[in-house]
C-alpha cells in the first residue's frame, strides 16, 4: 500500500466497458511524512475520495482484490481515505473533518 493525495480527476468518455461508471482520480504519491513526491498515477476510486484527500493506494494484482474490481482492467485502486498518520512518534497528518462524516 502507498499513501497519496488526490489532485484531480480524469474524464474518459470512451473506455473499456468494465471501467464505465468508475471514477478515475489523479494521485500524487506521498511519503510516510505525508508530503507529496510529485510522482503521479491514475487510479480507480472505490471509496468516494475527493480532491485534496489523503488516500491509501494499492497497485498491481492487489488493485483487483475487492469483489467489484475482480475483472476491471486496472493496476491502481484507492481503497481507503486516511484519517491520520503517525510517524516517528508524531502526528504528521490529521484529516480535517469538514464536509465528510
Foldseek 3Di string as FASTA:
>chain_A
DFKWAFAAWDDDPDDDPLCPPWTKTKTFTADLLRDGDRDIDIATEPDPDDHGFMFDKAFDCVSQPDPSRVPPPGGIYTDGTDQWHDDPRRTSDGDDPPPHD
